[in-house]
PDB file of N, CA and C in Angstrom:
ATOM      1  N   MET A   1      67.624  96.185  94.814  1.00  0.00           N
ATOM      2  CA  MET A   1      68.208  97.027  93.542  1.00  0.00           C
ATOM      3  C   MET A   1      66.950  97.353  92.660  1.00  0.00           C
ATOM      4  N   PHE A   2      65.725  96.230  92.897  1.00  0.00           N
ATOM      5  CA  PHE A   2      64.769  96.642  92.030  1.00  0.00           C
ATOM      6  C   PHE A   2      63.884  97.783  92.471  1.00  0.00           C
ATOM      7  N   LEU A   3      64.344  98.506  93.628  1.00  0.00           N
ATOM      8  CA  LEU A   3      63.412  99.601  94.056  1.00  0.00           C
ATOM      9  C   LEU A   3      64.142 100.749  93.080  1.00  0.00           C
ATOM     10  N   PHE A   4      65.147 100.945  92.560  1.00  0.00           N
ATOM     11  CA  PHE A   4      65.437 101.983  91.905  1.00  0.00           C
ATOM     12  C   PHE A   4      64.607 101.990  90.727  1.00  0.00           C
ATOM     13  N   PHE A   5      63.967 100.919  89.875  1.00  0.00           N
ATOM     14  CA  PHE A   5      63.317 100.772  88.855  1.00  0.00           C
ATOM     15  C   PHE A   5      61.681 100.749  89.307  1.00  0.00           C
ATOM     16  N   MET A   6      61.479 100.733  90.346  1.00  0.00           N
ATOM     17  CA  MET A   6      59.951 100.699  90.699  1.00  0.00           C
ATOM     18  C   MET A   6      59.389 102.076  90.692  1.00  0.00           C
ATOM     19  N   LYS A   7      58.270 102.001  90.012  1.00  0.00           N
ATOM     20  CA  LYS A   7      57.566 103.363  89.943  1.00  0.00           C
ATOM     21  C   LYS A   7      56.487 103.387  90.767  1.00  0.00           C
ATOM     22  N   ASN A   8      56.630 104.677  91.500  1.00  0.00           N
ATOM     23  CA  ASN A   8      55.827 105.001  92.784  1.00  0.00           C
ATOM     24  C   ASN A   8      54.680 105.821  92.319  1.00  0.00           C
ATOM     25  N   ASP A   9      53.390 105.411  92.619  1.00  0.00           N
ATOM     26  CA  ASP A   9      52.130 106.049  92.249  1.00  0.00           C
ATOM     27  C   ASP A   9      51.559 106.872  93.325  1.00  0.00           C
ATOM     28  N   PRO A  10      51.678 108.087  93.723  1.00  0.00           N
ATOM     29  CA  PRO A  10      51.470 108.792  94.878  1.00  0.00           C
ATOM     30  C   PRO A  10      49.944 108.545  95.043  1.00  0.00           C
ATOM     31  N   ASP A  11      49.078 108.470  94.185  1.00  0.00           N
ATOM     32  CA  ASP A  11      47.838 108.359  94.254  1.00  0.00           C
ATOM     33  C   ASP A  11      47.451 107.083  94.831  1.00  0.00           C
ATOM     34  N   ASP A  12      48.228 106.094  94.451  1.00  0.00           N
ATOM     35  CA  ASP A  12      47.815 104.627  94.957  1.00  0.00           C
ATOM     36  C   ASP A  12      48.315 104.855  96.482  1.00  0.00           C
ATOM     37  N   LEU A  13      49.366 105.197  96.797  1.00  0.00           N
ATOM     38  CA  LEU A  13      49.605 105.494  98.117  1.00  0.00           C
ATOM     39  C   LEU A  13      48.627 106.195  99.213  1.00  0.00           C
ATOM     40  N   ASP A  14      48.077 107.155  98.311  1.00  0.00           N
ATOM     41  CA  ASP A  14      47.013 107.950  99.231  1.00  0.00           C
ATOM     42  C   ASP A  14      45.874 107.161  99.471  1.00  0.00           C
ATOM     43  N   ARG A  15      45.568 106.555  98.314  1.00  0.00           N
ATOM     44  CA  ARG A  15      44.280 105.484  98.536  1.00  0.00           C
ATOM     45  C   ARG A  15      44.441 104.464  99.704  1.00  0.00           C
ATOM     46  N   LEU A  16      45.590 103.866  99.580  1.00  0.00           N
ATOM     47  CA  LEU A  16      45.917 102.793 100.477  1.00  0.00           C
ATOM     48  C   LEU A  16      45.788 103.359 101.817  1.00  0.00           C
ATOM     49  N   LEU A  17      46.687 104.524 102.256  1.00  0.00           N
ATOM     50  CA  LEU A  17      46.666 105.075 103.504  1.00  0.00           C
ATOM     51  C   LEU A  17      45.439 105.681 103.920  1.00  0.00           C
ATOM     52  N   GLN A  18      44.274 105.937 103.106  1.00  0.00           N
ATOM     53  CA  GLN A  18      43.056 106.099 103.150  1.00  0.00           C
ATOM     54  C   GLN A  18      42.231 104.707 103.777  1.00  0.00           C
ATOM     55  N   GLU A  19      42.452 104.019 103.287  1.00  0.00           N
ATOM     56  CA  GLU A  19      41.884 102.747 103.353  1.00  0.00           C
ATOM     57  C   GLU A  19      42.273 101.779 104.570  1.00  0.00           C
ATOM     58  N   TRP A  20      43.352 102.353 104.994  1.00  0.00           N
ATOM     59  CA  TRP A  20      44.131 101.500 106.329  1.00  0.00           C
ATOM     60  C   TRP A  20      43.194 101.847 107.318  1.00  0.00           C
ATOM     61  N   THR A  21      43.221 100.746 108.499  1.00  0.00           N
ATOM     62  CA  THR A  21      42.289 100.963 109.361  1.00  0.00           C
ATOM     63  C   THR A  21      43.428 100.514 110.642  1.00  0.00           C
ATOM     64  N   ALA A  22      43.296 100.899 111.656  1.00  0.00           N
ATOM     65  CA  ALA A  22      44.252 100.396 112.822  1.00  0.00           C
ATOM     66  C   ALA A  22      44.053  99.041 113.242  1.00  0.00           C
ATOM     67  N   LEU A  23      45.122  98.328 113.720  1.00  0.00           N
ATOM     68  CA  LEU A  23      44.891  96.732 113.872  1.00  0.00           C
ATOM     69  C   LEU A  23      44.603  96.690 115.490  1.00  0.00           C
ATOM     70  N   PRO A  24      43.619  95.987 115.753  1.00  0.00           N
ATOM     71  CA  PRO A  24      43.254  95.787 117.261  1.00  0.00           C
ATOM     72  C   PRO A  24      44.931  95.272 117.740  1.00  0.00           C
ATOM     73  N   ALA A  25      45.023  95.454 119.075  1.00  0.00           N
ATOM     74  CA  ALA A  25      46.094  95.037 119.903  1.00  0.00           C
ATOM     75  C   ALA A  25      46.049  93.623 120.027  1.00  0.00           C
ATOM     76  N   PRO A  26      47.150  93.256 119.982  1.00  0.00           N
ATOM     77  CA  PRO A  26      47.497  91.605 120.279  1.00  0.00           C
ATOM     78  C   PRO A  26      47.067  91.398 121.798  1.00  0.00           C
ATOM     79  N   SER A  27      46.576  89.927 121.978  1.00  0.00           N
ATOM     80  CA  SER A  27      46.387  89.559 123.137  1.00  0.00           C
ATOM     81  C   SER A  27      47.570  89.363 124.104  1.00  0.00           C
ATOM     82  N   GLY A  28      47.356  89.876 125.355  1.00  0.00           N
ATOM     83  CA  GLY A  28      48.451  89.740 126.212  1.00  0.00           C
ATOM     84  C   GLY A  28      49.112  88.319 126.256  1.00  0.00           C
ATOM     85  N   GLN A  29      48.450  87.362 126.038  1.00  0.00           N
ATOM     86  CA  GLN A  29      49.209  85.856 126.149  1.00  0.00           C
ATOM     87  C   GLN A  29      50.250  85.736 125.161  1.00  0.00           C
ATOM     88  N   LEU A  30      50.190  86.597 124.191  1.00  0.00           N
ATOM     89  CA  LEU A  30      51.134  86.356 123.232  1.00  0.00           C
ATOM     90  C   LEU A  30      52.518  87.456 123.266  1.00  0.00           C
ATOM     91  N   ALA A  31      52.196  88.488 123.761  1.00  0.00           N
ATOM     92  CA  ALA A  31      53.241  89.580 123.611  1.00  0.00           C
ATOM     93  C   ALA A  31      54.113  89.205 124.667  1.00  0.00           C
ATOM     94  N   SER A  32      53.935  88.578 126.029  1.00  0.00           N
ATOM     95  CA  SER A  32      54.825  88.398 126.888  1.00  0.00           C
ATOM     96  C   SER A  32      55.709  87.502 126.844  1.00  0.00           C
ATOM     97  N   PRO A  33      55.572  86.118 126.009  1.00  0.00           N
ATOM     98  CA  PRO A  33      56.516  85.181 125.814  1.00  0.00           C
ATOM     99  C   PRO A  33      57.246  85.720 124.509  1.00  0.00           C
ATOM    100  N   VAL A  34      56.890  86.525 123.766  1.00  0.00           N
ATOM    101  CA  VAL A  34      57.537  87.033 122.582  1.00  0.00           C
ATOM    102  C   VAL A  34      58.609  87.914 122.965  1.00  0.00           C
ATOM    103  N   TRP A  35      58.235  89.127 123.822  1.00  0.00           N
ATOM    104  CA  TRP A  35      59.166  89.965 124.532  1.00  0.00           C
ATOM    105  C   TRP A  35      60.266  89.445 125.184  1.00  0.00           C
ATOM    106  N   GLN A  36      59.883  88.299 126.057  1.00  0.00           N
ATOM    107  CA  GLN A  36      60.844  87.466 126.844  1.00  0.00           C
ATOM    108  C   GLN A  36      61.851  87.010 125.820  1.00  0.00           C
ATOM    109  N   ARG A  37      61.519  86.394 124.891  1.00  0.00           N
ATOM    110  CA  ARG A  37      62.632  85.863 124.011  1.00  0.00           C
ATOM    111  C   ARG A  37      63.296  86.685 123.184  1.00  0.00           C
ATOM    112  N   ILE A  38      62.703  88.146 122.894  1.00  0.00           N
ATOM    113  CA  ILE A  38      63.528  88.584 122.354  1.00  0.00           C
ATOM    114  C   ILE A  38      64.563  89.574 123.315  1.00  0.00           C
ATOM    115  N   GLU A  39      64.310  89.825 124.646  1.00  0.00           N
ATOM    116  CA  GLU A  39      65.211  90.211 125.420  1.00  0.00           C
ATOM    117  C   GLU A  39      66.285  89.084 125.910  1.00  0.00           C
ATOM    118  N   SER A  40      65.743  87.750 125.932  1.00  0.00           N
ATOM    119  CA  SER A  40      66.848  86.830 126.432  1.00  0.00           C
ATOM    120  C   SER A  40      67.707  86.495 125.196  1.00  0.00           C
ATOM    121  N   GLY A  41      67.236  86.844 123.900  1.00  0.00           N
ATOM    122  CA  GLY A  41      68.189  86.759 122.852  1.00  0.00           C
ATOM    123  C   GLY A  41      69.215  87.876 122.614  1.00  0.00           C
ATOM    124  N   ASP A  42      68.879  89.011 123.089  1.00  0.00           N
ATOM    125  CA  ASP A  42      69.665  90.222 123.185  1.00  0.00           C
ATOM    126  C   ASP A  42      70.715  90.125 124.435  1.00  0.00           C
ATOM    127  N   ARG A  43      70.242  89.354 125.337  1.00  0.00           N
ATOM    128  CA  ARG A  43      71.452  89.176 126.508  1.00  0.00           C
ATOM    129  C   ARG A  43      72.596  88.136 125.816  1.00  0.00           C
ATOM    130  N   ARG A  44      72.093  86.748 125.228  1.00  0.00           N
ATOM    131  CA  ARG A  44      73.242  85.868 124.860  1.00  0.00           C
ATOM    132  C   ARG A  44      73.417  85.954 123.514  1.00  0.00           C
ATOM    133  N   ALA A  45      73.713  87.267 122.988  1.00  0.00           N
ATOM    134  CA  ALA A  45      74.083  87.008 121.584  1.00  0.00           C
ATOM    135  C   ALA A  45      75.504  86.313 121.294  1.00  0.00           C
ATOM    136  N   SER A  46      75.521  85.649 120.432  1.00  0.00           N
ATOM    137  CA  SER A  46      76.567  84.764 120.081  1.00  0.00           C
ATOM    138  C   SER A  46      77.664  85.584 119.391  1.00  0.00           C
ATOM    139  N   TRP A  47      78.931  85.014 119.412  1.00  0.00           N
ATOM    140  CA  TRP A  47      80.041  85.552 118.574  1.00  0.00           C
ATOM    141  C   TRP A  47      79.704  85.662 117.221  1.00  0.00           C
ATOM    142  N   PHE A  48      79.301  84.591 116.895  1.00  0.00           N
ATOM    143  CA  PHE A  48      78.970  84.127 115.303  1.00  0.00           C
ATOM    144  C   PHE A  48      77.792  85.447 114.942  1.00  0.00           C
ATOM    145  N   GLY A  49      76.790  85.444 115.701  1.00  0.00           N
ATOM    146  CA  GLY A  49      75.616  86.726 115.326  1.00  0.00           C
ATOM    147  C   GLY A  49      76.351  87.831 115.270  1.00  0.00           C
ATOM    148  N   ASN A  50      77.365  88.261 116.391  1.00  0.00           N
ATOM    149  CA  ASN A  50      77.742  89.701 116.196  1.00  0.00           C
ATOM    150  C   ASN A  50      78.888  89.692 114.980  1.00  0.00           C
ATOM    151  N   LEU A  51      79.462  88.763 114.726  1.00  0.00           N
ATOM    152  CA  LEU A  51      80.561  88.640 113.320  1.00  0.00           C
ATOM    153  C   LEU A  51      79.586  88.843 112.235  1.00  0.00           C
ATOM    154  N   THR A  52      78.362  88.114 112.344  1.00  0.00           N
ATOM    155  CA  THR A  52      77.714  88.241 111.007  1.00  0.00           C
ATOM    156  C   THR A  52      76.872  89.898 110.954  1.00  0.00           C
ATOM    157  N   MET A  53      76.595  90.347 111.915  1.00  0.00           N
ATOM    158  CA  MET A  53      75.958  91.639 111.865  1.00  0.00           C
ATOM    159  C   MET A  53      77.178  92.664 111.375  1.00  0.00           C
ATOM    160  N   LEU A  54      78.366  92.288 112.058  1.00  0.00           N
ATOM    161  CA  LEU A  54      79.574  93.233 111.316  1.00  0.00           C
ATOM    162  C   LEU A  54      79.957  93.441 110.197  1.00  0.00           C
ATOM    163  N   LEU A  55      79.661  91.754 109.310  1.00  0.00           N
ATOM    164  CA  LEU A  55      80.127  91.611 108.141  1.00  0.00           C
ATOM    165  C   LEU A  55      78.948  92.247 107.282  1.00  0.00           C
ATOM    166  N   ARG A  56      77.766  92.121 107.683  1.00  0.00           N
ATOM    167  CA  ARG A  56      76.516  92.687 106.880  1.00  0.00           C
ATOM    168  C   ARG A  56      76.798  94.515 106.810  1.00  0.00           C
ATOM    169  N   GLU A  57      77.104  94.899 108.257  1.00  0.00           N
ATOM    170  CA  GLU A  57      77.425  96.456 108.184  1.00  0.00           C
ATOM    171  C   GLU A  57      78.563  96.825 107.225  1.00  0.00           C
ATOM    172  N   LEU A  58      79.417  95.795 107.133  1.00  0.00           N
ATOM    173  CA  LEU A  58      80.882  96.494 106.270  1.00  0.00           C
ATOM    174  C   LEU A  58      80.268  96.306 104.838  1.00  0.00           C
ATOM    175  N   GLU A  59      79.614  95.339 104.612  1.00  0.00           N
ATOM    176  CA  GLU A  59      79.200  95.207 103.201  1.00  0.00           C
ATOM    177  C   GLU A  59      78.245  96.273 102.865  1.00  0.00           C
ATOM    178  N   MET A  60      77.369  96.712 103.748  1.00  0.00           N
ATOM    179  CA  MET A  60      76.620  97.801 103.270  1.00  0.00           C
ATOM    180  C   MET A  60      77.571  99.271 103.164  1.00  0.00           C
ATOM    181  N   ARG A  61      78.288  99.464 104.004  1.00  0.00           N
ATOM    182  CA  ARG A  61      79.228 100.657 103.813  1.00  0.00           C
ATOM    183  C   ARG A  61      80.146 100.637 102.750  1.00  0.00           C
ATOM    184  N   PHE A  62      80.695  99.374 102.146  1.00  0.00           N
ATOM    185  CA  PHE A  62      81.618  99.326 101.264  1.00  0.00           C
ATOM    186  C   PHE A  62      80.600  98.826  99.801  1.00  0.00           C
ATOM    187  N   ALA A  63      79.491  98.973  99.868  1.00  0.00           N
ATOM    188  CA  ALA A  63      78.637  98.622  98.558  1.00  0.00           C
ATOM    189  C   ALA A  63      78.577 100.128  97.900  1.00  0.00           C
ATOM    190  N   ARG A  64      79.014 101.052  98.400  1.00  0.00           N
ATOM    191  CA  ARG A  64      78.790 102.509  97.806  1.00  0.00           C
ATOM    192  C   ARG A  64      80.139 102.773  96.803  1.00  0.00           C
ATOM    193  N   PRO A  65      80.075 103.242  95.955  1.00  0.00           N
ATOM    194  CA  PRO A  65      80.923 103.565  94.856  1.00  0.00           C
ATOM    195  C   PRO A  65      82.052 104.614  95.505  1.00  0.00           C
ATOM    196  N   HIS A  66      81.859 105.210  96.351  1.00  0.00           N
ATOM    197  CA  HIS A  66      82.736 106.217  96.904  1.00  0.00           C
ATOM    198  C   HIS A  66      83.751 105.509  98.050  1.00  0.00           C
ATOM    199  N   ALA A  67      83.085 104.346  98.701  1.00  0.00           N
ATOM    200  CA  ALA A  67      83.863 103.632  99.662  1.00  0.00           C
ATOM    201  C   ALA A  67      84.886 102.720  98.822  1.00  0.00           C
ATOM    202  N   ILE A  68      84.236 101.889  97.478  1.00  0.00           N
ATOM    203  CA  ILE A  68      85.084 101.202  97.024  1.00  0.00           C
ATOM    204  C   ILE A  68      86.299 101.910  96.238  1.00  0.00           C
ATOM    205  N   VAL A  69      86.043 103.373  95.967  1.00  0.00           N
ATOM    206  CA  VAL A  69      87.029 103.835  95.394  1.00  0.00           C
ATOM    207  C   VAL A  69      88.418 104.077  96.612  1.00  0.00           C
ATOM    208  N   ALA A  70      87.553 104.535  97.671  1.00  0.00           N
ATOM    209  CA  ALA A  70      88.679 104.646  98.885  1.00  0.00           C
ATOM    210  C   ALA A  70      89.185 103.422  99.278  1.00  0.00           C
ATOM    211  N   VAL A  71      88.843 102.158  99.361  1.00  0.00           N
ATOM    212  CA  VAL A  71      89.361 101.174  99.641  1.00  0.00           C
ATOM    213  C   VAL A  71      90.680 100.934  98.684  1.00  0.00           C
ATOM    214  N   VAL A  72      90.215 100.947  97.371  1.00  0.00           N
ATOM    215  CA  VAL A  72      91.202 100.625  96.237  1.00  0.00           C
ATOM    216  C   VAL A  72      92.409 101.675  96.481  1.00  0.00           C
ATOM    217  N   ALA A  73      92.012 102.905  96.821  1.00  0.00           N
ATOM    218  CA  ALA A  73      93.267 104.019  96.859  1.00  0.00           C
ATOM    219  C   ALA A  73      93.986 103.692  98.182  1.00  0.00           C
ATOM    220  N   VAL A  74      93.599 103.265  99.169  1.00  0.00           N
ATOM    221  CA  VAL A  74      94.427 102.907 100.573  1.00  0.00           C
ATOM    222  C   VAL A  74      95.230 101.967 100.077  1.00  0.00           C
ATOM    223  N   GLY A  75      94.420 101.028  99.393  1.00  0.00           N
ATOM    224  CA  GLY A  75      95.322  99.560  99.165  1.00  0.00           C
ATOM    225  C   GLY A  75      96.486 100.050  97.965  1.00  0.00           C
ATOM    226  N   LEU A  76      96.241 100.797  97.019  1.00  0.00           N
ATOM    227  CA  LEU A  76      97.272 101.262  96.337  1.00  0.00           C
ATOM    228  C   LEU A  76      98.254 101.921  97.075  1.00  0.00           C
ATOM    229  N   LEU A  77      97.947 102.959  97.877  1.00  0.00           N
ATOM    230  CA  LEU A  77      99.136 103.666  98.695  1.00  0.00           C
ATOM    231  C   LEU A  77      99.610 102.418  99.524  1.00  0.00           C
ATOM    232  N   VAL A  78      99.105 101.599 100.252  1.00  0.00           N
ATOM    233  CA  VAL A  78      99.817 100.730 101.238  1.00  0.00           C
ATOM    234  C   VAL A  78     101.075 100.075 100.115  1.00  0.00           C
ATOM    235  N   GLY A  79     100.492  99.692  99.043  1.00  0.00           N
ATOM    236  CA  GLY A  79     101.109  98.659  98.087  1.00  0.00           C
ATOM    237  C   GLY A  79     102.580  99.724  97.681  1.00  0.00           C
ATOM    238  N   VAL A  80     102.044 100.901  97.555  1.00  0.00           N
ATOM    239  CA  VAL A  80     103.167 101.679  96.903  1.00  0.00           C
ATOM    240  C   VAL A  80     104.465 102.151  98.117  1.00  0.00           C
ATOM    241  N   PHE A  81     103.796 102.144  99.144  1.00  0.00           N
ATOM    242  CA  PHE A  81     104.634 102.388 100.775  1.00  0.00           C
ATOM    243  C   PHE A  81     105.454 101.151 100.912  1.00  0.00           C
ATOM    244  N   PHE A  82     104.815  99.855 100.720  1.00  0.00           N
ATOM    245  CA  PHE A  82     105.983  98.746 100.837  1.00  0.00           C
ATOM    246  C   PHE A  82     106.772  98.269  99.870  1.00  0.00           C
ATOM    247  N   ALA A  83     106.456  98.604  98.665  1.00  0.00           N
ATOM    248  CA  ALA A  83     107.284  98.536  97.493  1.00  0.00           C
ATOM    249  C   ALA A  83     108.581  99.577  97.658  1.00  0.00           C
ATOM    250  N   GLU A  84     108.082 100.884  97.944  1.00  0.00           N
ATOM    251  CA  GLU A  84     109.323 101.987  98.442  1.00  0.00           C
ATOM    252  C   GLU A  84     110.185 101.398  99.350  1.00  0.00           C
ATOM    253  N   VAL A  85     109.518 100.861 100.644  1.00  0.00           N
ATOM    254  CA  VAL A  85     110.450 100.137 101.649  1.00  0.00           C
ATOM    255  C   VAL A  85     111.267  99.041 101.287  1.00  0.00           C
ATOM    256  N   ARG A  86     111.001  98.350 100.272  1.00  0.00           N
ATOM    257  CA  ARG A  86     111.488  97.126  99.959  1.00  0.00           C
ATOM    258  C   ARG A  86     112.642  97.629  99.029  1.00  0.00           C
ATOM    259  N   THR A  87     112.346  98.529  98.268  1.00  0.00           N
ATOM    260  CA  THR A  87     113.382  99.159  97.003  1.00  0.00           C
ATOM    261  C   THR A  87     114.487  99.713  98.008  1.00  0.00           C
ATOM    262  N   ARG A  88     114.214 100.436  99.074  1.00  0.00           N
ATOM    263  CA  ARG A  88     115.213 101.280  99.589  1.00  0.00           C
ATOM    264  C   ARG A  88     116.054 100.247 100.593  1.00  0.00           C
ATOM    265  N   TYR A  89     115.329  99.292 101.090  1.00  0.00           N
ATOM    266  CA  TYR A  89     116.370  98.188 101.685  1.00  0.00           C
ATOM    267  C   TYR A  89     117.161  97.450 100.607  1.00  0.00           C
ATOM    268  N   ASN A  90     116.765  97.116  99.627  1.00  0.00           N
ATOM    269  CA  ASN A  90     117.752  96.605  98.441  1.00  0.00           C
ATOM    270  C   ASN A  90     118.705  97.129  98.275  1.00  0.00           C
ATOM    271  N   ALA A  91     118.420  98.622  98.048  1.00  0.00           N
ATOM    272  CA  ALA A  91     119.394  99.641  97.703  1.00  0.00           C
ATOM    273  C   ALA A  91     120.570  99.715  98.701  1.00  0.00           C
ATOM    274  N   THR A  92     119.966  99.572 100.073  1.00  0.00           N
ATOM    275  CA  THR A  92     120.958  99.632 101.028  1.00  0.00           C
ATOM    276  C   THR A  92     121.922  98.461 101.255  1.00  0.00           C
ATOM    277  N   GLN A  93     121.064  97.143 100.899  1.00  0.00           N
ATOM    278  CA  GLN A  93     121.952  96.074 100.938  1.00  0.00           C
ATOM    279  C   GLN A  93     123.106  96.110  99.894  1.00  0.00           C
ATOM    280  N   ILE A  94     122.604  96.760  98.619  1.00  0.00           N
ATOM    281  CA  ILE A  94     123.688  96.807  97.483  1.00  0.00           C
ATOM    282  C   ILE A  94     124.510  97.589  97.878  1.00  0.00           C
ATOM    283  N   ASP A  95     124.174  98.653  98.366  1.00  0.00           N
ATOM    284  CA  ASP A  95     125.325  99.665  98.702  1.00  0.00           C
ATOM    285  C   ASP A  95     126.267  99.357  99.363  1.00  0.00           C
ATOM    286  N   ALA A  96     125.796  98.581 100.499  1.00  0.00           N
ATOM    287  CA  ALA A  96     126.771  98.078 101.730  1.00  0.00           C
ATOM    288  C   ALA A  96     127.776  97.010 100.883  1.00  0.00           C
ATOM    289  N   GLU A  97     127.212  96.032 100.128  1.00  0.00           N
ATOM    290  CA  GLU A  97     127.935  95.032  99.694  1.00  0.00           C
ATOM    291  C   GLU A  97     129.019  95.520  98.623  1.00  0.00           C
ATOM    292  N   MET A  98     128.610  96.869  97.638  1.00  0.00           N
ATOM    293  CA  MET A  98     129.502  97.265  96.773  1.00  0.00           C
ATOM    294  C   MET A  98     130.846  98.150  97.692  1.00  0.00           C
ATOM    295  N   SER A  99     130.212  98.696  98.925  1.00  0.00           N
ATOM    296  CA  SER A  99     131.272  99.455  99.527  1.00  0.00           C
ATOM    297  C   SER A  99     132.174  98.385 100.204  1.00  0.00           C
ATOM    298  N   ALA A 100     131.881  97.046 100.481  1.00  0.00           N
ATOM    299  CA  ALA A 100     132.627  96.111 101.113  1.00  0.00           C
ATOM    300  C   ALA A 100     133.659  95.724 100.025  1.00  0.00           C
ATOM    301  N   ARG A 101     132.901  95.452  99.165  1.00  0.00           N
ATOM    302  CA  ARG A 101     134.014  95.012  97.774  1.00  0.00           C
ATOM    303  C   ARG A 101     135.213  95.975  97.614  1.00  0.00           C
ATOM    304  N   TYR A 102     134.759  97.064  97.359  1.00  0.00           N
ATOM    305  CA  TYR A 102     135.759  98.061  97.136  1.00  0.00           C
ATOM    306  C   TYR A 102     136.792  98.549  98.055  1.00  0.00           C
ATOM    307  N   LEU A 103     136.416  98.457  99.368  1.00  0.00           N
ATOM    308  CA  LEU A 103     137.291  98.575 100.533  1.00  0.00           C
ATOM    309  C   LEU A 103     138.333  97.226 100.172  1.00  0.00           C
ATOM    310  N   SER A 104     137.663  96.032  99.795  1.00  0.00           N
ATOM    311  CA  SER A 104     138.418  94.916  99.791  1.00  0.00           C
ATOM    312  C   SER A 104     139.415  94.979  98.766  1.00  0.00           C
ATOM    313  N   LEU A 105     139.147  95.666  97.671  1.00  0.00           N
ATOM    314  CA  LEU A 105     140.090  95.942  96.683  1.00  0.00           C
ATOM    315  C   LEU A 105     141.140  97.015  96.991  1.00  0.00           C
ATOM    316  N   LEU A 106     140.965  98.027  97.713  1.00  0.00           N
ATOM    317  CA  LEU A 106     141.816  99.145  98.376  1.00  0.00           C
ATOM    318  C   LEU A 106     142.995  98.303  99.138  1.00  0.00           C
ATOM    319  N   ASP A 107     142.317  97.320 100.000  1.00  0.00           N
ATOM    320  CA  ASP A 107     143.173  96.614 100.960  1.00  0.00           C
ATOM    321  C   ASP A 107     144.104  96.250 100.692  1.00  0.00           C
ATOM    322  N   VAL A 108     145.602  96.805 100.706  1.00  0.00           N
ATOM    323  CA  VAL A 108     146.614  95.960  99.906  1.00  0.00           C
ATOM    324  C   VAL A 108     147.517  95.119 101.044  1.00  0.00           C
ATOM    325  N   SER A 109     147.023  95.058 102.433  1.00  0.00           N
ATOM    326  CA  SER A 109     147.678  94.240 103.570  1.00  0.00           C
ATOM    327  C   SER A 109     147.522  92.889 103.321  1.00  0.00           C
ATOM    328  N   HIS A 110     146.438  92.601 102.792  1.00  0.00           N
ATOM    329  CA  HIS A 110     145.714  91.175 102.542  1.00  0.00           C
ATOM    330  C   HIS A 110     146.305  90.552 101.239  1.00  0.00           C
ATOM    331  N   ARG A 111     147.156  91.211 100.541  1.00  0.00           N
ATOM    332  CA  ARG A 111     147.610  90.539  99.392  1.00  0.00           C
ATOM    333  C   ARG A 111     148.744  89.743  99.380  1.00  0.00           C
TER     334      ARG A 111
END
């Protein structure tokens, strides 16, 4: 978040790039074990690590205002849909009950 408020000085960046020198290549003794460990970690990634990465990706995607609005809109539409289904079901039940009562009032053979 602080990156939005950070002031970039292009002259400072140019000066730093001019002063930068290439780093020497690391020794071969260190590089081999590091790459072996990285490759072994890729092969045996745990389900917890995968879940953590998925949650981080979802958090990054839904941290945007447009995504939040879309999630709220979808939630509202789903809520309205289920409310409509429940209302229709209740209306059907009440209609069936009232029809049965009306027919029982008209049936004179059981009186």
